[in-house]
């Protein structure tokens, strides 16, 4: 299976190879894919350190978000992965790359990315909306574009506009920025049906 590299900074150089992508496992965030183990990309010590900063959703601990800082050589500044709670195999159900950027600049950059993805995945169902995270984080919101694949998996590009007065946002030091995410149907179903 051909792996396709998703990286905001190199999107325009990799679009030609996207035309053959058929499911979410064909896409990568700096070489990391849904279905991989975190152990394929990080040491156990790095994973255990990241697990100290885990985020759970308000209504379920079935899945958790594990953050990692990127290396200088990577295209993103940070990664977030959804894994199942207590999964010692650390299987990835979604992979997200983030870049710190102001909301205004992010919205402009996102337009260009969305246009390019539309050219690569012309048959994908599309959604464009604002998500307020179920009001779980104050006035935080995200400006979201989804590309839904036939499998139910999703490629998502969005700009995060966090409410920095919210205690959770402050405690986890979340910052405004651009995010590119590849998500399995199972992770999307969890967020939509159980998390909030």
Protein backbone atom coordinates (compact mmCIF):
# COMPACT_ATOMS: atom_id res chain seq x y z
CA UNK A 1 0.00 0.00 0.00
CA UNK A 2 1.42 3.34 -1.00
CA UNK A 3 1.78 5.72 1.92
CA UNK A 4 0.94 9.33 1.26
CA UNK A 5 2.58 12.09 3.26
CA UNK A 6 0.36 14.85 4.62
CA UNK A 7 2.34 17.87 5.71
CA UNK A 8 1.12 21.42 5.46
CA UNK A 9 4.52 22.69 4.42
CA UNK A 10 4.92 20.20 1.58
CA UNK A 11 1.35 19.60 0.47
CA UNK A 12 1.84 21.11 -2.95
CA UNK A 13 4.78 18.78 -3.64
CA UNK A 14 2.96 15.57 -2.75
CA UNK A 15 -0.45 15.98 -4.34
CA UNK A 16 0.22 13.88 -7.41
CA UNK A 17 0.66 10.73 -5.35
CA UNK A 18 -2.59 11.29 -3.42
CA UNK A 19 -4.71 10.30 -6.40
CA UNK A 20 -4.22 6.60 -5.60
CA UNK A 21 -5.03 6.85 -1.88
CA UNK A 22 -8.04 4.73 -0.95
CA UNK A 23 -8.28 4.68 2.83
CA UNK A 24 -7.05 6.59 5.82
CA UNK A 25 -4.08 4.27 6.37
CA UNK A 26 -2.68 5.53 3.05
CA UNK A 27 -2.19 9.00 4.58
CA UNK A 28 0.55 10.02 6.97
CA UNK A 29 1.33 12.85 9.33
CA UNK A 30 5.14 13.08 9.20
CA UNK A 31 5.34 9.35 8.50
CA UNK A 32 2.75 8.27 11.10
CA UNK A 33 -0.53 6.60 10.11
CA UNK A 34 -3.78 5.41 11.62
CA UNK A 35 -3.30 1.77 12.59
CA UNK A 36 0.37 2.21 13.52
CA UNK A 37 1.53 1.78 17.10
CA UNK A 38 3.06 4.75 18.86
CA UNK A 39 5.90 2.31 19.58
CA UNK A 40 6.69 2.35 15.84
CA UNK A 41 7.63 6.03 16.14
CA UNK A 42 8.51 6.77 19.79
CA UNK A 43 10.36 5.02 22.59
CA UNK A 44 8.44 3.63 25.54
CA UNK A 45 10.03 6.32 27.73
CA UNK A 46 8.79 9.04 25.35
CA UNK A 47 5.30 7.53 25.36
CA UNK A 48 5.21 7.27 29.17
CA UNK A 49 6.28 10.91 29.43
CA UNK A 50 3.56 11.97 26.95
CA UNK A 51 0.94 9.98 28.87
CA UNK A 52 1.45 12.38 31.80
CA UNK A 53 -0.14 15.09 29.61
CA UNK A 54 -3.08 13.06 28.34
CA UNK A 55 -6.44 14.75 27.73
CA UNK A 56 -9.76 12.95 28.21
CA UNK A 57 -13.13 14.01 26.87
CA UNK A 58 -15.81 15.26 29.28
CA UNK A 59 -18.13 12.23 29.09
CA UNK A 60 -15.93 9.24 28.26
CA UNK A 61 -12.45 7.88 28.91
CA UNK A 62 -12.67 5.21 26.23
CA UNK A 63 -10.14 7.13 24.14
CA UNK A 64 -7.57 9.70 25.15
CA UNK A 65 -5.47 12.29 23.35
CA UNK A 66 -1.71 11.89 23.73
CA UNK A 67 0.47 14.91 22.79
CA UNK A 68 4.05 14.84 21.50
CA UNK A 69 6.39 17.69 20.67
CA UNK A 70 7.83 17.45 17.15
CA UNK A 71 11.51 17.45 16.25
CA UNK A 72 13.00 20.40 14.38
CA UNK A 73 13.18 18.30 11.22
CA UNK A 74 9.43 17.61 11.20
CA UNK A 75 6.78 19.59 9.31
CA UNK A 76 4.66 20.20 12.41
CA UNK A 77 5.34 21.65 15.83
CA UNK A 78 3.24 19.14 17.76
CA UNK A 79 1.27 15.94 17.30
CA UNK A 80 -1.85 14.63 19.00
CA UNK A 81 -2.85 10.97 18.76
CA UNK A 82 -6.06 9.26 19.81
CA UNK A 83 -5.42 5.90 21.43
CA UNK A 84 -7.69 3.71 23.52
CA UNK A 85 -7.36 3.99 27.28
CA UNK A 86 -5.26 1.14 28.75
CA UNK A 87 -4.16 -0.10 25.31
CA UNK A 88 -0.60 -1.36 25.87
CA UNK A 89 -0.11 -1.65 22.09
CA UNK A 90 -0.73 2.11 21.75
CA UNK A 91 -2.60 1.75 18.44
CA UNK A 92 -3.26 5.08 16.70
CA UNK A 93 -6.91 5.85 15.81
CA UNK A 94 -6.18 9.38 14.66
CA UNK A 95 -3.03 11.38 13.98
CA UNK A 96 -2.94 15.16 14.02
CA UNK A 97 -0.18 17.61 13.19
CA UNK A 98 -0.34 21.18 14.54
CA UNK A 99 1.38 24.43 13.67
CA UNK A 100 1.14 27.48 15.92
CA UNK A 101 -0.25 30.39 13.90
CA UNK A 102 -2.70 33.25 14.48
CA UNK A 103 -6.32 32.55 13.61
CA UNK A 104 -6.42 35.13 10.80
CA UNK A 105 -3.31 33.70 9.13
CA UNK A 106 -4.59 30.19 9.71
CA UNK A 107 -7.89 30.86 7.94
CA UNK A 108 -6.02 32.16 4.89
CA UNK A 109 -3.64 29.19 4.82
CA UNK A 110 -6.53 26.76 5.29
CA UNK A 111 -8.28 28.07 2.17
CA UNK A 112 -5.29 27.14 0.06
CA UNK A 113 -4.97 23.68 1.63
CA UNK A 114 -8.69 22.98 1.17
CA UNK A 115 -8.53 23.97 -2.48
CA UNK A 116 -5.63 21.60 -3.07
CA UNK A 117 -7.33 18.69 -1.26
CA UNK A 118 -10.52 19.24 -3.27
CA UNK A 119 -8.46 18.76 -6.43
CA UNK A 120 -7.00 15.51 -5.09
CA UNK A 121 -10.18 14.05 -3.57
CA UNK A 122 -12.91 15.42 -5.85
CA UNK A 123 -15.36 12.62 -4.96
CA UNK A 124 -15.07 12.92 -1.19
CA UNK A 125 -18.10 14.28 0.65
CA UNK A 126 -17.28 17.64 2.21
CA UNK A 127 -18.40 19.57 5.28
CA UNK A 128 -17.53 23.07 6.40
CA UNK A 129 -18.61 24.20 9.89
CA UNK A 130 -17.68 25.78 13.22
CA UNK A 131 -17.31 23.44 16.21
CA UNK A 132 -17.62 24.87 19.73
CA UNK A 133 -16.41 21.64 21.40
CA UNK A 134 -19.77 21.17 23.08
CA UNK A 135 -19.05 24.34 25.09
CA UNK A 136 -16.59 22.25 27.12
CA UNK A 137 -13.77 24.80 26.80
CA UNK A 138 -15.42 28.18 27.25
CA UNK A 139 -15.71 30.21 24.04
CA UNK A 140 -13.24 28.04 22.13
CA UNK A 141 -14.14 27.18 18.56
CA UNK A 142 -12.68 25.56 15.49
CA UNK A 143 -13.24 26.44 11.82
CA UNK A 144 -13.40 22.99 10.24
CA UNK A 145 -13.32 21.44 6.78
CA UNK A 146 -13.90 17.68 6.57
CA UNK A 147 -13.31 15.31 3.68
CA UNK A 148 -15.32 12.14 4.27
CA UNK A 149 -14.10 8.99 2.58
CA UNK A 150 -16.39 6.12 1.56
CA UNK A 151 -15.00 4.05 4.47
CA UNK A 152 -16.23 6.62 7.00
CA UNK A 153 -12.68 7.77 7.71
CA UNK A 154 -12.06 11.52 7.59
CA UNK A 155 -9.33 13.96 6.63
CA UNK A 156 -9.88 17.17 8.57
CA UNK A 157 -8.23 20.58 8.28
CA UNK A 158 -9.09 23.29 10.78
CA UNK A 159 -8.09 26.45 12.59
CA UNK A 160 -8.23 26.34 16.38
CA UNK A 161 -9.33 29.49 18.22
CA UNK A 162 -9.01 28.61 21.90
CA UNK A 163 -10.57 30.55 24.77
CA UNK A 164 -7.40 31.26 26.76
CA UNK A 165 -9.45 32.23 29.82
CA UNK A 166 -10.74 28.65 30.11
CA UNK A 167 -9.03 26.68 32.90
CA UNK A 168 -8.61 23.50 30.83
CA UNK A 169 -7.13 25.43 27.91
CA UNK A 170 -4.73 27.19 30.30
CA UNK A 171 -3.74 24.01 32.14
CA UNK A 172 -2.89 22.13 28.95
CA UNK A 173 -1.35 25.22 27.32
CA UNK A 174 -3.31 24.75 24.10
CA UNK A 175 -2.51 27.34 21.46
CA UNK A 176 -4.25 28.73 18.39
CA UNK A 177 -3.12 27.22 15.15
CA UNK A 178 -3.60 25.10 12.07
CA UNK A 179 -4.28 21.39 12.40
CA UNK A 180 -4.34 18.59 9.83
CA UNK A 181 -5.84 15.33 11.02
CA UNK A 182 -6.41 11.84 9.66
CA UNK A 183 -9.06 9.94 11.63
CA UNK A 184 -10.51 6.46 11.57
CA UNK A 185 -14.28 6.01 11.53
CA UNK A 186 -14.03 4.48 15.01
CA UNK A 187 -12.41 7.60 16.46
CA UNK A 188 -14.88 9.92 14.71
CA UNK A 189 -17.83 7.86 16.01
CA UNK A 190 -16.41 8.06 19.53
CA UNK A 191 -16.09 11.85 19.42
CA UNK A 192 -19.55 12.32 17.87
CA UNK A 193 -21.48 9.84 20.04
CA UNK A 194 -19.67 9.39 23.35
CA UNK A 195 -17.13 12.12 24.07
CA UNK A 196 -19.40 15.09 24.86
